[in-house]
N, C-alpha and C. Protein backbone atom coordinates (compact mmCIF):
# COMPACT_ATOMS: atom_id res chain seq x y z
N MET A 1 20.59 14.44 5.69
CA MET A 1 18.95 14.55 5.31
C MET A 1 18.85 13.28 4.85
N SER A 2 17.66 12.78 4.75
CA SER A 2 17.64 11.32 3.81
C SER A 2 16.59 12.15 2.59
N ASN A 3 16.89 11.46 1.78
CA ASN A 3 16.04 11.79 -0.20
C ASN A 3 14.48 11.39 0.71
N PRO A 4 13.44 12.11 0.23
CA PRO A 4 11.44 11.30 0.79
C PRO A 4 11.51 10.36 -0.71
N ILE A 5 11.10 9.20 -0.01
CA ILE A 5 11.06 8.44 -1.24
C ILE A 5 9.70 8.77 -2.33
N VAL A 6 9.87 8.36 -3.59
CA VAL A 6 9.43 8.96 -4.69
C VAL A 6 7.71 7.63 -4.49
N ALA A 7 7.40 7.46 -4.62
CA ALA A 7 6.35 6.45 -5.71
C ALA A 7 6.02 6.07 -6.99
N ASP A 8 5.78 5.15 -7.30
CA ASP A 8 5.79 5.17 -9.04
C ASP A 8 4.21 4.91 -9.37
N ASP A 9 4.21 5.12 -8.45
CA ASP A 9 2.17 4.59 -9.04
C ASP A 9 1.46 5.10 -7.53
N ARG A 10 0.39 5.27 -8.03
CA ARG A 10 -0.04 5.66 -6.68
C ARG A 10 -1.95 5.14 -6.76
N LEU A 11 -2.86 4.42 -5.70
CA LEU A 11 -3.61 3.25 -5.55
C LEU A 11 -4.68 4.28 -4.67
N ASP A 12 -5.08 4.43 -4.99
CA ASP A 12 -6.91 5.10 -3.56
C ASP A 12 -7.38 4.21 -3.16
N LEU A 13 -7.65 3.56 -2.04
CA LEU A 13 -8.69 2.40 -1.84
C LEU A 13 -9.04 3.43 -0.84
N ARG A 14 -9.32 4.33 -0.51
CA ARG A 14 -10.33 4.66 0.55
C ARG A 14 -11.72 4.66 -0.03
N GLY A 15 -12.71 4.21 0.89
CA GLY A 15 -14.19 3.95 0.39
C GLY A 15 -14.21 2.35 -0.46
N VAL A 16 -13.11 1.28 -0.33
CA VAL A 16 -13.40 0.28 -0.36
C VAL A 16 -13.76 -0.58 0.87
N LYS A 17 -14.15 -1.79 0.87
CA LYS A 17 -13.97 -2.51 2.30
C LYS A 17 -12.96 -3.68 1.60
N CYS A 18 -12.58 -4.18 2.93
CA CYS A 18 -11.83 -5.10 3.14
C CYS A 18 -12.51 -6.54 2.88
N PRO A 19 -12.74 -7.59 2.08
CA PRO A 19 -10.97 -7.39 1.43
C PRO A 19 -10.42 -7.45 -0.25
N ALA A 20 -11.80 -6.34 -0.79
CA ALA A 20 -11.83 -5.79 -2.43
C ALA A 20 -10.87 -4.98 -1.31
N ASN A 21 -10.01 -4.29 -0.95
CA ASN A 21 -8.79 -3.51 -1.40
C ASN A 21 -7.61 -4.14 -1.20
N SER A 22 -7.61 -5.45 -0.12
CA SER A 22 -6.04 -6.30 -0.04
C SER A 22 -6.00 -6.98 -1.75
N ALA A 23 -7.28 -7.31 -2.24
CA ALA A 23 -7.48 -7.62 -3.61
C ALA A 23 -6.52 -6.79 -4.74
N ARG A 24 -7.16 -5.43 -4.45
CA ARG A 24 -7.07 -4.68 -5.25
C ARG A 24 -5.91 -4.45 -4.95
N ALA A 25 -5.17 -3.67 -3.85
CA ALA A 25 -3.20 -4.22 -4.08
C ALA A 25 -2.40 -4.99 -4.45
N LEU A 26 -2.85 -6.36 -4.64
CA LEU A 26 -1.91 -7.02 -4.51
C LEU A 26 -2.02 -6.84 -6.52
N VAL A 27 -3.10 -7.23 -7.07
CA VAL A 27 -3.80 -7.19 -8.45
C VAL A 27 -2.39 -5.94 -9.12
N ARG A 28 -2.52 -4.34 -7.94
CA ARG A 28 -1.74 -3.98 -8.69
C ARG A 28 -0.58 -3.28 -8.28
N LEU A 29 0.07 -4.06 -6.91
CA LEU A 29 1.78 -4.37 -6.96
C LEU A 29 2.49 -5.63 -8.11
N GLU A 30 1.58 -5.96 -8.07
CA GLU A 30 1.17 -6.92 -9.17
C GLU A 30 2.17 -6.89 -10.87
N SER A 31 1.05 -6.35 -10.66
CA SER A 31 2.15 -5.50 -12.57
C SER A 31 2.75 -4.42 -12.27
N LEU A 32 3.49 -3.78 -11.26
CA LEU A 32 4.34 -3.55 -11.27
C LEU A 32 6.38 -4.14 -11.08
N ASP A 33 7.19 -3.40 -12.16
CA ASP A 33 8.24 -4.37 -11.48
C ASP A 33 8.59 -4.52 -9.87
N ALA A 34 9.36 -5.06 -9.87
CA ALA A 34 10.27 -5.54 -8.98
C ALA A 34 10.64 -4.55 -8.83
N GLY A 35 10.76 -4.40 -6.57
CA GLY A 35 11.47 -3.10 -6.45
C GLY A 35 10.64 -1.35 -6.57
N ALA A 36 9.43 -1.23 -7.09
CA ALA A 36 9.16 0.15 -8.11
C ALA A 36 8.15 0.14 -6.74
N VAL A 37 7.99 1.40 -6.74
CA VAL A 37 6.78 2.04 -5.48
C VAL A 37 5.64 2.15 -5.26
N LEU A 38 4.88 1.57 -4.61
CA LEU A 38 3.22 1.91 -4.99
C LEU A 38 2.74 2.29 -3.90
N GLU A 39 2.31 3.66 -3.60
CA GLU A 39 1.79 4.36 -2.65
C GLU A 39 0.13 4.47 -2.24
N ILE A 40 -0.14 3.40 -1.78
CA ILE A 40 -1.55 3.41 -0.86
C ILE A 40 -2.36 3.99 -0.39
N LEU A 41 -3.29 4.78 -0.42
CA LEU A 41 -4.38 5.30 0.73
C LEU A 41 -5.12 4.63 1.49
N LEU A 42 -5.47 4.30 2.26
CA LEU A 42 -6.51 3.47 2.73
C LEU A 42 -7.28 4.23 3.86
N ASP A 43 -8.50 3.65 4.06
CA ASP A 43 -9.47 4.18 5.24
C ASP A 43 -8.50 3.89 6.76
N ASP A 44 -9.17 4.50 8.38
CA ASP A 44 -9.03 4.00 9.28
C ASP A 44 -9.60 3.13 9.27
N GLY A 45 -8.67 1.79 11.01
CA GLY A 45 -9.35 0.86 10.90
C GLY A 45 -9.40 -0.66 10.37
N GLU A 46 -10.58 -1.50 9.88
CA GLU A 46 -9.91 -2.65 9.69
C GLU A 46 -9.27 -2.35 8.60
N PRO A 47 -9.36 -1.41 7.45
CA PRO A 47 -8.05 -1.80 5.99
C PRO A 47 -6.51 -1.59 6.65
N ILE A 48 -6.78 -0.60 7.18
CA ILE A 48 -4.71 -0.04 7.65
C ILE A 48 -4.34 -2.00 8.61
N GLU A 49 -5.25 -2.05 9.11
CA GLU A 49 -5.13 -3.69 10.34
C GLU A 49 -4.89 -4.69 10.11
N SER A 50 -5.66 -4.57 7.93
CA SER A 50 -6.26 -6.09 7.65
C SER A 50 -4.71 -5.84 5.96
N VAL A 51 -4.46 -5.08 5.07
CA VAL A 51 -4.02 -4.59 4.34
C VAL A 51 -2.73 -5.14 4.30
N PRO A 52 -1.93 -4.13 4.85
CA PRO A 52 -0.63 -4.25 5.47
C PRO A 52 -0.16 -5.90 5.53
N PRO A 53 -0.53 -6.26 6.54
CA PRO A 53 0.00 -7.76 6.61
C PRO A 53 -0.67 -8.42 5.46
N ALA A 54 -1.60 -8.58 3.85
CA ALA A 54 -1.97 -9.81 3.44
C ALA A 54 -0.83 -8.80 2.01
N LEU A 55 -0.77 -7.97 2.46
CA LEU A 55 0.51 -7.30 1.22
C LEU A 55 2.21 -7.97 1.02
N ALA A 56 2.70 -8.41 2.78
CA ALA A 56 3.92 -8.86 3.73
C ALA A 56 3.50 -10.53 2.69
N ASP A 57 2.17 -10.88 3.58
CA ASP A 57 2.18 -12.02 3.19
C ASP A 57 2.56 -12.90 1.77
N GLU A 58 2.09 -11.17 0.72
CA GLU A 58 2.79 -11.94 -0.72
C GLU A 58 4.80 -11.65 -0.70
N GLY A 59 5.17 -11.04 -0.12
CA GLY A 59 6.23 -10.53 -0.27
C GLY A 59 6.76 -9.08 -1.14
N HIS A 60 6.30 -8.07 -0.43
CA HIS A 60 5.57 -6.95 -0.38
C HIS A 60 6.43 -6.26 0.73
N VAL A 61 6.67 -5.16 0.73
CA VAL A 61 7.84 -4.45 1.80
C VAL A 61 6.47 -3.49 2.26
N GLN A 62 6.91 -2.99 3.06
CA GLN A 62 6.16 -1.64 3.72
C GLN A 62 7.73 -1.49 4.04
N LEU A 63 7.62 0.66 3.72
CA LEU A 63 8.32 1.24 3.75
C LEU A 63 8.20 2.46 4.16
N ASP A 64 7.28 2.40 4.24
CA ASP A 64 6.45 4.16 5.46
C ASP A 64 5.15 3.76 5.54
N ARG A 65 4.08 4.76 6.47
CA ARG A 65 3.01 4.69 6.57
C ARG A 65 2.61 5.69 7.47
N ARG A 66 1.41 6.42 7.53
CA ARG A 66 1.88 8.18 7.84
C ARG A 66 0.10 7.78 8.37
N ARG A 67 -0.03 8.64 9.69
CA ARG A 67 -1.51 9.04 9.34
C ARG A 67 -2.31 10.08 7.03
N ASP A 68 -2.85 10.36 7.04
CA ASP A 68 -3.47 11.22 5.70
C ASP A 68 -5.02 11.48 6.05
N GLY A 69 -4.88 12.51 6.41
CA GLY A 69 -5.95 13.32 7.58
C GLY A 69 -6.81 11.83 7.80
N ALA A 70 -8.10 11.37 7.61
CA ALA A 70 -8.41 10.44 8.50
C ALA A 70 -8.36 9.10 7.91
N GLY A 71 -7.18 9.49 7.09
CA GLY A 71 -7.11 7.57 6.67
C GLY A 71 -5.53 7.33 6.67
N TRP A 72 -4.95 6.56 6.28
CA TRP A 72 -3.49 6.52 5.89
C TRP A 72 -2.57 6.41 4.63
N ARG A 73 -1.66 6.53 4.59
CA ARG A 73 -1.66 6.60 3.03
C ARG A 73 0.09 4.98 3.61
N LEU A 74 0.17 4.10 2.73
CA LEU A 74 1.73 3.50 2.76
C LEU A 74 1.97 3.61 1.08
N LEU A 75 3.65 3.61 1.68
CA LEU A 75 4.13 3.42 0.85
C LEU A 75 4.72 1.85 0.79
N VAL A 76 4.54 1.38 -0.29
CA VAL A 76 4.97 -0.71 -0.56
C VAL A 76 5.87 -0.62 -2.03
N ARG A 77 6.85 -1.36 -1.58
CA ARG A 77 7.91 -1.62 -2.48
C ARG A 77 7.59 -2.90 -3.26
N ALA A 78 7.09 -3.48 -4.04
CA ALA A 78 7.06 -4.07 -4.86
C ALA A 78 7.66 -5.68 -5.02
N GLY A 79 7.30 -6.54 -4.31
CA GLY A 79 8.63 -7.94 -4.12
C GLY A 79 9.06 -9.00 -5.60
N GLY A 80 9.18 -9.27 -5.92
CA GLY A 80 9.89 -10.12 -6.67
C GLY A 80 9.93 -11.21 -7.14
């Protein structure tokens, strides 16, 4: 049995429109040490479609993506 990934920080972006949600997630990830894990809560639709690719483009790694009620819960490892 694998151990669950524990987030070092959490960012709730539900209700935040694009592209502000991507920008806020990137700012938070850049403030973390490389390798730290950020839990990000996002709305369904455009946010879940646009935020993960924007984070990947900047070198951050999505570890997990799960439905969370009407939205999504992402776990992202900060790149270096």
